[in-house]
Amino acid sequence: MIDFEKELEKFEPSMEVKEAEDAIKHKDLTDMMDILRQMVKEGRA
């Protein structure tokens, strides 16, 4: 059986939209275009 009191103790609110946007913007994410550009630059494509 689920113990709702225990589950509520573990609850952490999610980030606000603005905080999430800032966290995502400041990550260095590599996408496929970045990988292809690097391969072309290195002469591997």
N, C-alpha and C. Protein backbone atom coordinates (compact mmCIF):
# COMPACT_ATOMS: atom_id res chain seq x y z
N MET A 1 0.85 -1.18 0.00
CA MET A 1 0.00 0.00 0.00
C MET A 1 0.89 1.25 0.00
N ILE A 2 0.47 2.27 -0.64
CA ILE A 2 1.24 3.52 -0.72
C ILE A 2 1.06 4.32 0.55
N ASP A 3 2.19 4.74 1.11
CA ASP A 3 2.17 5.59 2.29
C ASP A 3 2.29 7.04 1.80
N PHE A 4 1.18 7.72 1.72
CA PHE A 4 1.15 9.07 1.16
C PHE A 4 1.99 10.06 1.96
N GLU A 5 2.06 9.87 3.26
CA GLU A 5 2.86 10.77 4.09
C GLU A 5 4.34 10.67 3.71
N LYS A 6 4.84 9.44 3.52
CA LYS A 6 6.23 9.26 3.12
C LYS A 6 6.49 9.84 1.73
N GLU A 7 5.56 9.63 0.84
CA GLU A 7 5.71 10.15 -0.52
C GLU A 7 5.72 11.68 -0.52
N LEU A 8 4.89 12.29 0.30
CA LEU A 8 4.87 13.75 0.39
C LEU A 8 6.17 14.29 0.97
N GLU A 9 6.80 13.56 1.87
CA GLU A 9 8.09 13.99 2.43
C GLU A 9 9.17 14.01 1.36
N LYS A 10 9.09 13.11 0.38
CA LYS A 10 10.10 13.01 -0.68
C LYS A 10 9.84 14.02 -1.82
N PHE A 11 8.68 14.65 -1.82
CA PHE A 11 8.30 15.55 -2.89
C PHE A 11 9.21 16.75 -2.98
N GLU A 12 9.67 17.06 -4.20
CA GLU A 12 10.43 18.26 -4.47
C GLU A 12 9.74 18.98 -5.62
N PRO A 13 9.41 20.24 -5.45
CA PRO A 13 8.71 20.95 -6.52
C PRO A 13 9.60 21.08 -7.76
N SER A 14 8.96 21.06 -8.90
CA SER A 14 9.72 21.21 -10.15
C SER A 14 10.15 22.66 -10.32
N MET A 15 11.13 22.87 -11.19
CA MET A 15 11.62 24.22 -11.44
C MET A 15 10.53 25.06 -12.09
N GLU A 16 10.57 26.32 -11.82
CA GLU A 16 9.69 27.23 -12.52
C GLU A 16 10.15 27.28 -13.98
N VAL A 17 9.28 27.68 -14.86
CA VAL A 17 9.60 27.70 -16.28
C VAL A 17 10.84 28.55 -16.56
N LYS A 18 10.93 29.71 -15.96
CA LYS A 18 12.07 30.60 -16.20
C LYS A 18 13.36 29.96 -15.73
N GLU A 19 13.34 29.32 -14.57
CA GLU A 19 14.53 28.65 -14.06
C GLU A 19 14.94 27.50 -14.98
N ALA A 20 13.96 26.76 -15.48
CA ALA A 20 14.26 25.65 -16.39
C ALA A 20 14.85 26.18 -17.68
N GLU A 21 14.29 27.25 -18.23
CA GLU A 21 14.83 27.84 -19.45
C GLU A 21 16.28 28.26 -19.27
N ASP A 22 16.57 28.93 -18.15
CA ASP A 22 17.94 29.37 -17.88
C ASP A 22 18.89 28.18 -17.75
N ALA A 23 18.45 27.14 -17.09
CA ALA A 23 19.30 25.95 -16.91
C ALA A 23 19.59 25.31 -18.26
N ILE A 24 18.60 25.24 -19.12
CA ILE A 24 18.78 24.63 -20.44
C ILE A 24 19.66 25.49 -21.33
N LYS A 25 19.45 26.81 -21.31
CA LYS A 25 20.24 27.71 -22.15
C LYS A 25 21.72 27.67 -21.81
N HIS A 26 22.06 27.48 -20.55
CA HIS A 26 23.45 27.55 -20.12
C HIS A 26 24.18 26.21 -20.20
N LYS A 27 23.52 25.18 -20.73
CA LYS A 27 24.18 23.89 -20.94
C LYS A 27 24.82 23.91 -22.32
N ASP A 28 25.97 23.28 -22.44
CA ASP A 28 26.64 23.17 -23.73
C ASP A 28 26.18 21.87 -24.37
N LEU A 29 25.17 21.96 -25.21
CA LEU A 29 24.61 20.78 -25.84
C LEU A 29 25.10 20.67 -27.27
N THR A 30 25.55 19.49 -27.64
CA THR A 30 26.01 19.24 -29.00
C THR A 30 24.88 18.55 -29.75
N ASP A 31 24.53 19.09 -30.93
CA ASP A 31 23.52 18.44 -31.74
C ASP A 31 24.18 17.87 -32.99
N MET A 32 23.40 17.24 -33.85
CA MET A 32 23.94 16.59 -35.04
C MET A 32 24.64 17.57 -35.96
N MET A 33 24.12 18.78 -36.08
CA MET A 33 24.77 19.77 -36.95
C MET A 33 26.16 20.12 -36.43
N ASP A 34 26.31 20.24 -35.12
CA ASP A 34 27.64 20.50 -34.54
C ASP A 34 28.61 19.37 -34.87
N ILE A 35 28.12 18.14 -34.76
CA ILE A 35 28.97 16.98 -35.05
C ILE A 35 29.36 16.96 -36.52
N LEU A 36 28.40 17.19 -37.42
CA LEU A 36 28.69 17.21 -38.85
C LEU A 36 29.66 18.32 -39.22
N ARG A 37 29.48 19.50 -38.64
CA ARG A 37 30.40 20.61 -38.91
C ARG A 37 31.82 20.25 -38.49
N GLN A 38 31.95 19.62 -37.33
CA GLN A 38 33.27 19.22 -36.84
C GLN A 38 33.90 18.18 -37.77
N MET A 39 33.09 17.22 -38.24
CA MET A 39 33.60 16.18 -39.14
C MET A 39 34.06 16.79 -40.46
N VAL A 40 33.29 17.73 -41.00
CA VAL A 40 33.68 18.39 -42.25
C VAL A 40 34.96 19.19 -42.04
N LYS A 41 35.04 19.87 -40.94
CA LYS A 41 36.22 20.68 -40.62
C LYS A 41 37.47 19.80 -40.54
N GLU A 42 37.31 18.59 -39.99
CA GLU A 42 38.42 17.66 -39.85
C GLU A 42 38.66 16.83 -41.11
N GLY A 43 37.80 17.00 -42.12
CA GLY A 43 37.95 16.26 -43.37
C GLY A 43 37.53 14.81 -43.30
N ARG A 44 36.64 14.49 -42.38
CA ARG A 44 36.20 13.10 -42.24
C ARG A 44 34.88 12.82 -42.93
N ALA A 45 34.26 13.81 -43.54
CA ALA A 45 32.95 13.57 -44.13
C ALA A 45 33.03 13.56 -45.64
